[in-house]
Amino acid sequence: PTALGGASVTFDGIPAPLIFTSSGQINLQVPYEVAGKGSTLVTVTNQGVRGEPVAVPVIGVQPGLFTANGSGAGQVSAINAADGTINSPANPAAKGAYVTLYATGAGAVDPAVPTGKPAPADPFSCAQSVTVTIAGREAPVYLCGVMAPGFVGLLQVSAQVPPDIPSGSVPVTLSIAGRASPNATSLSVR
């Protein structure tokens, strides 16, 4: 929806799909229609009261890995593909196994998915030039970074844990089109 809990947000007048609202937070999808612009005017309306437009810069991509604690730092939200379990220090991934990471900020995908619409399962919509590093080593990516079918703006990336890395909590970074996620995220490896 473009209105939720009495709130709505526009980018250059384009309504943004809302995912969550509360008294201090609004989670939304930035409309694909602002891609290619240097900046956009963001306007928030709450309970019928329209705020002043605020100019914000626009960049093509800025990947961000989802984390277990929701802060954007620490243990990533990942699935150990071998058994479908949640990756954690108590349930680390095996070296050489695949993990599925979840992220946002993929930018334009191919084929395009309309703003606010769930990604299709066929064909997959892929982000551009996706790479993953785990413990500083390149981790082969299966297929591409795929927009998660049935979800809005959720990217899933399956990558193989390099066999020659240390065990424990190791840094993991997602890059899309040359832009890297913040380096404060980690994956548990045995």
C-alpha atoms as a PDB file:
ATOM      1  CA  PRO A   1       0.000   0.000   0.000  1.00  0.00           C
ATOM      2  CA  THR A   2       1.049   3.615  -0.460  1.00  0.00           C
ATOM      3  CA  ALA A   3      -0.748   4.673   2.751  1.00  0.00           C
ATOM      4  CA  LEU A   4      -0.375   2.805   6.028  1.00  0.00           C
ATOM      5  CA  GLY A   5      -1.188   3.765   9.616  1.00  0.00           C
ATOM      6  CA  GLY A   6      -2.136   7.285   8.495  1.00  0.00           C
ATOM      7  CA  ALA A   7       1.223   7.858   6.786  1.00  0.00           C
ATOM      8  CA  SER A   8       2.270   8.240   3.161  1.00  0.00           C
ATOM      9  CA  VAL A   9       5.515   9.246   1.457  1.00  0.00           C
ATOM     10  CA  THR A  10       6.186  10.561  -2.034  1.00  0.00           C
ATOM     11  CA  PHE A  11       9.396  10.902  -4.047  1.00  0.00           C
ATOM     12  CA  ASP A  12       8.996  13.752  -6.585  1.00  0.00           C
ATOM     13  CA  GLY A  13       5.255  13.210  -6.196  1.00  0.00           C
ATOM     14  CA  ILE A  14       5.462   9.450  -6.826  1.00  0.00           C
ATOM     15  CA  PRO A  15       3.812   7.467  -3.993  1.00  0.00           C
ATOM     16  CA  ALA A  16       6.207   5.039  -2.272  1.00  0.00           C
ATOM     17  CA  PRO A  17       5.003   1.543  -1.355  1.00  0.00           C
ATOM     18  CA  LEU A  18       5.035   1.281   2.456  1.00  0.00           C
ATOM     19  CA  ILE A  19       6.171  -1.862   4.254  1.00  0.00           C
ATOM     20  CA  PHE A  20       5.910  -0.750   7.898  1.00  0.00           C
ATOM     21  CA  THR A  21       5.005   2.378   9.835  1.00  0.00           C
ATOM     22  CA  SER A  22       5.164   3.336  13.505  1.00  0.00           C
ATOM     23  CA  SER A  23       5.346   6.578  15.461  1.00  0.00           C
ATOM     24  CA  GLY A  24       9.086   6.878  14.828  1.00  0.00           C
ATOM     25  CA  GLN A  25       9.785   4.853  11.687  1.00  0.00           C
ATOM     26  CA  ILE A  26       8.615   4.302   8.120  1.00  0.00           C
ATOM     27  CA  ASN A  27       9.977   1.411   6.031  1.00  0.00           C
ATOM     28  CA  LEU A  28       9.332   1.799   2.319  1.00  0.00           C
ATOM     29  CA  GLN A  29      10.478   0.990  -1.180  1.00  0.00           C
ATOM     30  CA  VAL A  30      12.058   3.919  -3.000  1.00  0.00           C
ATOM     31  CA  PRO A  31      10.209   4.082  -6.338  1.00  0.00           C
ATOM     32  CA  TYR A  32      12.263   2.803  -9.285  1.00  0.00           C
ATOM     33  CA  GLU A  33      11.049   5.900 -11.143  1.00  0.00           C
ATOM     34  CA  VAL A  34      13.671   8.077  -9.389  1.00  0.00           C
ATOM     35  CA  ALA A  35      16.538   5.995 -10.833  1.00  0.00           C
ATOM     36  CA  GLY A  36      18.992   8.096 -12.795  1.00  0.00           C
ATOM     37  CA  LYS A  37      18.181  11.324 -10.979  1.00  0.00           C
ATOM     38  CA  GLY A  38      20.793  13.150  -8.924  1.00  0.00           C
ATOM     39  CA  SER A  39      18.299  13.990  -6.184  1.00  0.00           C
ATOM     40  CA  THR A  40      14.620  13.671  -5.332  1.00  0.00           C
ATOM     41  CA  LEU A  41      12.172  15.583  -3.160  1.00  0.00           C
ATOM     42  CA  VAL A  42      10.762  13.410  -0.368  1.00  0.00           C
ATOM     43  CA  THR A  43       7.504  14.453   1.269  1.00  0.00           C
ATOM     44  CA  VAL A  44       5.959  12.705   4.283  1.00  0.00           C
ATOM     45  CA  THR A  45       2.280  13.062   5.118  1.00  0.00           C
ATOM     46  CA  ASN A  46       1.157  11.897   8.560  1.00  0.00           C
ATOM     47  CA  GLN A  47      -2.482  11.899   9.695  1.00  0.00           C
ATOM     48  CA  GLY A  48      -3.326  14.326   6.889  1.00  0.00           C
ATOM     49  CA  VAL A  49      -0.544  16.792   7.759  1.00  0.00           C
ATOM     50  CA  ARG A  50       1.930  17.205   4.912  1.00  0.00           C
ATOM     51  CA  GLY A  51       5.534  17.893   5.868  1.00  0.00           C
ATOM     52  CA  GLU A  52       7.944  20.115   3.996  1.00  0.00           C
ATOM     53  CA  PRO A  53       9.649  18.404   1.028  1.00  0.00           C
ATOM     54  CA  VAL A  54      13.256  17.422   1.716  1.00  0.00           C
ATOM     55  CA  ALA A  55      15.837  17.016  -1.069  1.00  0.00           C
ATOM     56  CA  VAL A  56      17.800  13.770  -0.788  1.00  0.00           C
ATOM     57  CA  PRO A  57      20.525  12.418  -3.107  1.00  0.00           C
ATOM     58  CA  VAL A  58      19.786   9.419  -5.319  1.00  0.00           C
ATOM     59  CA  ILE A  59      22.353   6.722  -6.115  1.00  0.00           C
ATOM     60  CA  GLY A  60      21.905   3.745  -8.436  1.00  0.00           C
ATOM     61  CA  VAL A  61      22.598   0.990  -5.890  1.00  0.00           C
ATOM     62  CA  GLN A  62      23.558   0.668  -2.227  1.00  0.00           C
ATOM     63  CA  PRO A  63      23.428  -2.922  -1.051  1.00  0.00           C
ATOM     64  CA  GLY A  64      22.729  -3.582   2.573  1.00  0.00           C
ATOM     65  CA  LEU A  65      22.699  -7.055   4.110  1.00  0.00           C
ATOM     66  CA  PHE A  66      19.935  -7.820   6.571  1.00  0.00           C
ATOM     67  CA  THR A  67      21.234  -8.828   9.991  1.00  0.00           C
ATOM     68  CA  ALA A  68      19.865 -11.011  12.769  1.00  0.00           C
ATOM     69  CA  ASN A  69      19.548  -8.104  15.197  1.00  0.00           C
ATOM     70  CA  GLY A  70      18.059  -5.713  12.608  1.00  0.00           C
ATOM     71  CA  SER A  71      20.812  -3.110  13.073  1.00  0.00           C
ATOM     72  CA  GLY A  72      22.653  -3.691   9.783  1.00  0.00           C
ATOM     73  CA  ALA A  73      25.742  -4.869  11.696  1.00  0.00           C
ATOM     74  CA  GLY A  74      26.794  -8.206  13.169  1.00  0.00           C
ATOM     75  CA  GLN A  75      25.522 -11.664  12.219  1.00  0.00           C
ATOM     76  CA  VAL A  76      23.831 -11.620   8.796  1.00  0.00           C
ATOM     77  CA  SER A  77      20.379 -13.073   8.233  1.00  0.00           C
ATOM     78  CA  ALA A  78      21.340 -16.116   6.182  1.00  0.00           C
ATOM     79  CA  ILE A  79      20.154 -19.632   5.490  1.00  0.00           C
ATOM     80  CA  ASN A  80      22.501 -22.615   5.370  1.00  0.00           C
ATOM     81  CA  ALA A  81      21.394 -24.077   2.025  1.00  0.00           C
ATOM     82  CA  ALA A  82      22.486 -27.637   2.876  1.00  0.00           C
ATOM     83  CA  ASP A  83      19.785 -28.103   5.512  1.00  0.00           C
ATOM     84  CA  GLY A  84      17.644 -24.933   5.388  1.00  0.00           C
ATOM     85  CA  THR A  85      18.643 -23.812   8.886  1.00  0.00           C
ATOM     86  CA  ILE A  86      19.345 -20.251   9.981  1.00  0.00           C
ATOM     87  CA  ASN A  87      23.050 -19.452  10.029  1.00  0.00           C
ATOM     88  CA  SER A  88      24.304 -18.538  13.516  1.00  0.00           C
ATOM     89  CA  PRO A  89      27.289 -19.153  15.797  1.00  0.00           C
ATOM     90  CA  ALA A  90      25.403 -22.200  17.115  1.00  0.00           C
ATOM     91  CA  ASN A  91      24.598 -23.348  13.561  1.00  0.00           C
ATOM     92  CA  PRO A  92      27.511 -22.315  11.290  1.00  0.00           C
ATOM     93  CA  ALA A  93      27.832 -23.078   7.570  1.00  0.00           C
ATOM     94  CA  ALA A  94      30.284 -25.708   6.400  1.00  0.00           C
ATOM     95  CA  LYS A  95      33.203 -24.584   4.245  1.00  0.00           C
ATOM     96  CA  GLY A  96      32.355 -25.253   0.605  1.00  0.00           C
ATOM     97  CA  ALA A  97      28.594 -25.159   1.286  1.00  0.00           C
ATOM     98  CA  TYR A  98      26.165 -22.549  -0.017  1.00  0.00           C
ATOM     99  CA  VAL A  99      24.459 -19.901   2.092  1.00  0.00           C
ATOM    100  CA  THR A 100      21.611 -17.619   1.051  1.00  0.00           C
ATOM    101  CA  LEU A 101      22.025 -13.995   2.106  1.00  0.00           C
ATOM    102  CA  TYR A 102      19.210 -11.423   2.173  1.00  0.00           C
ATOM    103  CA  ALA A 103      19.689  -7.797   1.205  1.00  0.00           C
ATOM    104  CA  THR A 104      18.127  -4.609  -0.079  1.00  0.00           C
ATOM    105  CA  GLY A 105      19.394  -1.727  -2.207  1.00  0.00           C
ATOM    106  CA  ALA A 106      19.852  -3.679  -5.462  1.00  0.00           C
ATOM    107  CA  GLY A 107      18.757  -0.813  -7.708  1.00  0.00           C
ATOM    108  CA  ALA A 108      17.415  -1.564 -11.170  1.00  0.00           C
ATOM    109  CA  VAL A 109      17.026  -5.268 -11.982  1.00  0.00           C
ATOM    110  CA  ASP A 110      16.628  -7.232 -15.210  1.00  0.00           C
ATOM    111  CA  PRO A 111      13.931  -7.882 -16.161  1.00  0.00           C
ATOM    112  CA  ALA A 112      12.470  -4.866 -14.410  1.00  0.00           C
ATOM    113  CA  VAL A 113       9.942  -5.291 -11.586  1.00  0.00           C
ATOM    114  CA  PRO A 114       7.379  -2.477 -11.265  1.00  0.00           C
ATOM    115  CA  THR A 115       7.532  -0.368  -8.108  1.00  0.00           C
ATOM    116  CA  GLY A 116       5.524  -1.960  -5.298  1.00  0.00           C
ATOM    117  CA  LYS A 117       4.997  -5.257  -7.095  1.00  0.00           C
ATOM    118  CA  PRO A 118       6.307  -8.603  -5.826  1.00  0.00           C
ATOM    119  CA  ALA A 119       9.132 -10.103  -7.865  1.00  0.00           C
ATOM    120  CA  PRO A 120       8.042 -12.948 -10.161  1.00  0.00           C
ATOM    121  CA  ALA A 121       9.358 -16.510  -9.920  1.00  0.00           C
ATOM    122  CA  ASP A 122       9.579 -16.818 -13.700  1.00  0.00           C
ATOM    123  CA  PRO A 123      11.661 -15.285 -15.009  1.00  0.00           C
ATOM    124  CA  PHE A 124      13.942 -14.350 -12.125  1.00  0.00           C
ATOM    125  CA  SER A 125      14.817 -10.643 -11.944  1.00  0.00           C
ATOM    126  CA  CYS A 126      18.559 -10.241 -11.366  1.00  0.00           C
ATOM    127  CA  ALA A 127      20.637  -7.445  -9.908  1.00  0.00           C
ATOM    128  CA  GLN A 128      23.636  -6.315 -11.933  1.00  0.00           C
ATOM    129  CA  SER A 129      27.219  -7.492 -11.340  1.00  0.00           C
ATOM    130  CA  VAL A 130      26.740  -9.209  -7.954  1.00  0.00           C
ATOM    131  CA  THR A 131      29.773 -10.404  -5.995  1.00  0.00           C
ATOM    132  CA  VAL A 132      30.221 -11.707  -2.453  1.00  0.00           C
ATOM    133  CA  THR A 133      33.347 -11.881  -0.328  1.00  0.00           C
ATOM    134  CA  ILE A 134      33.551 -14.039   2.780  1.00  0.00           C
ATOM    135  CA  ALA A 135      36.597 -13.644   5.028  1.00  0.00           C
ATOM    136  CA  GLY A 136      38.174 -11.519   2.291  1.00  0.00           C
ATOM    137  CA  ARG A 137      37.875 -14.271  -0.341  1.00  0.00           C
ATOM    138  CA  GLU A 138      35.601 -14.184  -3.364  1.00  0.00           C
ATOM    139  CA  ALA A 139      32.624 -16.487  -2.834  1.00  0.00           C
ATOM    140  CA  PRO A 140      31.120 -17.900  -6.060  1.00  0.00           C
ATOM    141  CA  VAL A 141      27.556 -16.641  -6.532  1.00  0.00           C
ATOM    142  CA  TYR A 142      24.934 -19.110  -7.772  1.00  0.00           C
ATOM    143  CA  LEU A 143      22.984 -17.665 -10.732  1.00  0.00           C
ATOM    144  CA  CYS A 144      22.792 -13.965  -9.819  1.00  0.00           C
ATOM    145  CA  GLY A 145      21.431 -11.796  -7.070  1.00  0.00           C
ATOM    146  CA  VAL A 146      17.746 -12.649  -7.474  1.00  0.00           C
ATOM    147  CA  MET A 147      14.825 -10.527  -6.357  1.00  0.00           C
ATOM    148  CA  ALA A 148      13.042 -12.904  -3.964  1.00  0.00           C
ATOM    149  CA  PRO A 149       9.899 -14.167  -5.713  1.00  0.00           C
ATOM    150  CA  GLY A 150       6.720 -12.945  -4.021  1.00  0.00           C
ATOM    151  CA  PHE A 151       8.487 -10.121  -2.138  1.00  0.00           C
ATOM    152  CA  VAL A 152       8.938  -6.401  -2.798  1.00  0.00           C
ATOM    153  CA  GLY A 153      12.520  -5.130  -2.897  1.00  0.00           C
ATOM    154  CA  LEU A 154      14.074  -8.195  -1.223  1.00  0.00           C
ATOM    155  CA  LEU A 155      17.254  -9.543  -2.822  1.00  0.00           C
ATOM    156  CA  GLN A 156      18.481 -13.064  -2.144  1.00  0.00           C
ATOM    157  CA  VAL A 157      22.015 -14.110  -3.024  1.00  0.00           C
ATOM    158  CA  SER A 158      23.280 -17.672  -2.792  1.00  0.00           C
ATOM    159  CA  ALA A 159      27.052 -17.833  -2.429  1.00  0.00           C
ATOM    160  CA  GLN A 160      29.491 -20.667  -1.788  1.00  0.00           C
ATOM    161  CA  VAL A 161      31.574 -20.418   1.376  1.00  0.00           C
ATOM    162  CA  PRO A 162      35.236 -20.577   0.291  1.00  0.00           C
ATOM    163  CA  PRO A 163      36.850 -23.830   1.485  1.00  0.00           C
ATOM    164  CA  ASP A 164      40.081 -22.206   2.676  1.00  0.00           C
ATOM    165  CA  ILE A 165      38.890 -19.613   5.177  1.00  0.00           C
ATOM    166  CA  PRO A 166      39.092 -19.635   8.969  1.00  0.00           C
ATOM    167  CA  SER A 167      36.286 -20.952  11.132  1.00  0.00           C
ATOM    168  CA  GLY A 168      34.223 -18.694  13.388  1.00  0.00           C
ATOM    169  CA  SER A 169      32.539 -15.368  12.773  1.00  0.00           C
ATOM    170  CA  VAL A 170      34.010 -14.018   9.519  1.00  0.00           C
ATOM    171  CA  PRO A 171      33.290 -10.801   7.604  1.00  0.00           C
ATOM    172  CA  VAL A 172      30.890 -10.967   4.650  1.00  0.00           C
ATOM    173  CA  THR A 173      30.384  -8.249   2.023  1.00  0.00           C
ATOM    174  CA  LEU A 174      27.909  -7.991  -0.839  1.00  0.00           C
ATOM    175  CA  SER A 175      28.775  -5.812  -3.837  1.00  0.00           C
ATOM    176  CA  ILE A 176      26.427  -4.777  -6.623  1.00  0.00           C
ATOM    177  CA  ALA A 177      27.712  -2.893  -9.661  1.00  0.00           C
ATOM    178  CA  GLY A 178      30.907  -2.104  -7.739  1.00  0.00           C
ATOM    179  CA  ARG A 179      29.232  -0.695  -4.600  1.00  0.00           C
ATOM    180  CA  ALA A 180      29.855  -2.656  -1.415  1.00  0.00           C
ATOM    181  CA  SER A 181      27.659  -3.189   1.621  1.00  0.00           C
ATOM    182  CA  PRO A 182      29.065  -1.879   4.917  1.00  0.00           C
ATOM    183  CA  ASN A 183      31.826  -4.116   6.286  1.00  0.00           C
ATOM    184  CA  ALA A 184      30.299  -4.574   9.735  1.00  0.00           C
ATOM    185  CA  THR A 185      28.492  -7.845   8.899  1.00  0.00           C
ATOM    186  CA  SER A 186      29.589 -11.411   9.597  1.00  0.00           C
ATOM    187  CA  LEU A 187      28.743 -15.023   8.744  1.00  0.00           C
ATOM    188  CA  SER A 188      29.275 -18.040  10.999  1.00  0.00           C
ATOM    189  CA  VAL A 189      31.507 -20.755   9.505  1.00  0.00           C
ATOM    190  CA  ARG A 190      32.656 -24.093  10.917  1.00  0.00           C
END
